[in-house]
Protein backbone atom coordinates (compact mmCIF):
# COMPACT_ATOMS: atom_id res chain seq x y z
CA MET A 1 -10.60 -52.14 -108.93
CA ILE A 2 -10.36 -55.88 -109.36
CA ALA A 3 -12.38 -57.70 -106.71
CA ARG A 4 -10.58 -60.59 -105.05
CA ASP A 5 -11.99 -63.23 -102.74
CA GLN A 6 -9.60 -63.08 -99.78
CA SER A 7 -11.46 -65.69 -97.71
CA LYS A 8 -9.13 -68.47 -98.84
CA ASP A 9 -5.89 -66.52 -98.39
CA VAL A 10 -3.36 -68.34 -96.22
CA ILE A 11 -1.47 -66.31 -93.61
CA LEU A 12 2.20 -67.34 -93.87
CA LEU A 13 3.64 -64.93 -91.32
CA ASP A 14 1.99 -62.52 -88.92
CA GLU A 15 4.61 -60.58 -86.99
CA PRO A 16 4.72 -56.93 -85.86
CA TYR A 17 7.15 -56.12 -88.70
CA LEU A 18 5.52 -58.16 -91.51
CA ARG A 19 2.23 -59.76 -92.44
CA MET A 20 2.57 -62.18 -95.34
CA SER A 21 -0.28 -63.97 -97.07
CA HIS A 22 -0.67 -66.26 -100.06
CA SER A 23 -3.68 -66.61 -102.33
CA PRO A 24 -3.44 -69.97 -104.10
CA ALA A 25 -6.43 -69.15 -106.35
CA ASP A 26 -4.85 -65.88 -107.55
CA ARG A 27 -1.25 -67.17 -107.47
CA LEU A 28 -0.46 -64.09 -105.40
CA ILE A 29 1.80 -63.39 -102.44
CA GLN A 30 1.35 -60.22 -100.39
CA LEU A 31 3.90 -58.73 -98.02
CA GLN A 32 2.76 -55.87 -95.83
CA TRP A 33 5.77 -54.45 -94.03
CA ASN A 34 5.39 -52.41 -90.86
CA GLY A 35 8.03 -50.20 -89.29
CA HIS A 36 11.61 -51.39 -88.99
CA ALA A 37 12.50 -55.02 -89.56
CA ARG A 38 15.74 -56.04 -87.87
CA SER A 39 18.24 -57.72 -90.16
CA GLU A 40 17.26 -61.29 -89.24
CA GLU A 41 13.55 -60.41 -89.57
CA TYR A 42 14.00 -58.75 -92.95
CA ARG A 43 15.94 -61.69 -94.33
CA LYS A 44 13.60 -64.28 -92.78
CA GLY A 45 10.62 -62.54 -94.37
CA LEU A 46 12.16 -62.29 -97.83
CA ASP A 47 13.52 -65.86 -97.70
CA LEU A 48 10.11 -67.24 -96.72
CA ALA A 49 8.44 -65.25 -99.48
CA VAL A 50 10.77 -66.48 -102.22
CA GLU A 51 10.42 -70.06 -100.91
CA MET A 52 6.62 -69.76 -101.18
CA VAL A 53 6.84 -68.25 -104.67
CA ALA A 54 8.89 -71.23 -105.84
CA LYS A 55 6.90 -73.89 -103.96
CA HIS A 56 3.44 -72.65 -104.96
CA ASP A 57 4.17 -71.37 -108.47
CA VAL A 58 3.25 -67.80 -107.50
CA LEU A 59 3.07 -65.37 -110.43
CA PHE A 60 2.18 -62.11 -108.67
CA TRP A 61 3.82 -60.29 -105.75
CA LEU A 62 2.38 -57.29 -103.92
CA ALA A 63 4.93 -55.51 -101.71
CA ASP A 64 3.22 -52.99 -99.46
CA LEU A 65 6.04 -50.83 -98.12
CA ARG A 66 3.92 -47.84 -97.03
CA ALA A 67 4.69 -48.29 -93.31
CA MET A 68 8.21 -49.71 -93.73
CA THR A 69 11.21 -47.71 -92.58
CA VAL A 70 14.93 -47.86 -93.33
CA ILE A 71 16.62 -51.01 -94.67
CA LEU A 72 20.16 -51.53 -93.40
CA GLN A 73 22.90 -51.21 -96.00
CA SER A 74 24.12 -54.76 -95.25
CA ASP A 75 20.59 -56.08 -95.92
CA GLU A 76 20.36 -54.06 -99.11
CA LYS A 77 23.64 -55.64 -100.28
CA TRP A 78 22.40 -59.12 -99.25
CA SER A 79 19.19 -58.68 -101.22
CA GLN A 80 21.11 -57.67 -104.34
CA GLU A 81 23.74 -60.43 -104.14
CA VAL A 82 21.83 -63.35 -102.60
CA TRP A 83 18.08 -62.84 -102.53
CA PHE A 84 17.34 -61.37 -105.97
CA PRO A 85 19.28 -64.10 -107.84
CA THR A 86 17.17 -66.70 -105.99
CA LEU A 87 13.96 -64.87 -106.87
CA PHE A 88 15.05 -64.68 -110.52
CA ARG A 89 15.02 -68.49 -110.67
CA THR A 90 11.29 -68.62 -109.88
CA GLY A 91 8.39 -68.16 -112.29
CA LEU A 92 7.33 -64.79 -110.84
CA GLU A 93 5.82 -62.61 -113.58
CA LYS A 94 4.95 -59.31 -111.88
CA MET A 95 5.85 -57.40 -108.72
CA ALA A 96 3.83 -54.38 -107.66
CA ILE A 97 5.40 -52.12 -105.05
CA ILE A 98 3.43 -49.67 -102.95
CA GLN A 99 6.08 -47.15 -102.04
CA SER A 100 7.06 -46.32 -98.47
CA ALA A 101 6.40 -42.92 -96.98
CA ASP A 102 9.95 -43.13 -95.57
CA TYR A 103 12.54 -41.42 -97.78
CA PHE A 104 15.37 -43.72 -96.65
CA ASN A 105 13.34 -46.82 -97.46
CA GLN A 106 12.46 -45.38 -100.89
CA THR A 107 16.10 -44.73 -101.76
CA SER A 108 17.23 -48.15 -100.50
CA VAL A 109 14.59 -50.01 -102.52
CA GLN A 110 15.35 -47.91 -105.61
CA ARG A 111 19.09 -48.61 -105.24
CA SER A 112 18.41 -52.35 -105.03
CA PHE A 113 16.31 -52.38 -108.19
CA THR A 114 18.86 -50.20 -109.99
CA ALA A 115 21.61 -52.66 -108.99
CA VAL A 116 19.72 -55.63 -110.51
CA ASN A 117 18.39 -53.73 -113.53
CA GLY A 118 18.98 -55.72 -116.69
CA LYS A 119 18.75 -58.98 -114.72
CA LEU A 120 15.05 -58.75 -113.84
CA THR A 121 13.04 -61.78 -114.92
CA PHE A 122 9.67 -60.19 -114.07
CA LYS A 123 7.91 -56.85 -114.54
CA VAL A 124 8.05 -54.29 -111.72
CA ALA A 125 5.83 -51.25 -111.22
CA TRP A 126 5.46 -48.68 -108.42
CA PHE A 127 2.16 -47.46 -107.03
CA PRO A 128 0.87 -45.02 -104.40
CA ALA A 129 -2.01 -47.30 -103.32
CA ALA A 130 -3.13 -50.95 -103.23
CA ALA A 131 -6.06 -50.59 -105.66
CA GLU A 132 -3.89 -49.48 -108.57
CA ALA A 133 -1.27 -52.10 -107.73
CA MET A 134 -3.82 -54.93 -107.77
CA ASP A 135 -5.37 -53.69 -111.00
CA TRP A 136 -1.95 -53.72 -112.67
CA LEU A 137 -1.00 -57.13 -111.28
CA PHE A 138 -4.10 -58.84 -112.65
CA ARG A 139 -4.54 -56.88 -115.87
CA LYS A 140 -4.04 -59.13 -118.84
CA GLU A 141 -1.42 -57.78 -121.18
CA ALA A 142 -2.55 -57.09 -124.72
CA VAL A 143 -0.97 -59.47 -127.20
CA SER A 144 -0.34 -58.16 -130.68
CA ALA A 145 -1.13 -60.42 -133.61
């Protein structure tokens, strides 16, 4: 596993439904969702995250959804029509997703990524745990000559 110095991470949001941090040195944003986020909380969290990605030239996103529950259909639609297009205008390179244990969250997130497939401007991969996600995020891609 890639070792990261987290001592300089900046906490952007620390609420019962979401803990968000930014590592300027690693150009990383981390969102750790917890339980159910009401519509305004879900949108506030995602809007703040995309604002930070743009403002701080973040390249890597770790979405920890393990403890997240259902996403409302109206929020799913909003993310596809409003939020993703905004994220696509940033310089984000990779998003690692640690999948939720909640079936309804899994299907909602999968539907959202299916809806924007072909429009993605960054790589996305799914993981069962944080260690593998971090390794993938920071692994340098082999460049062929």
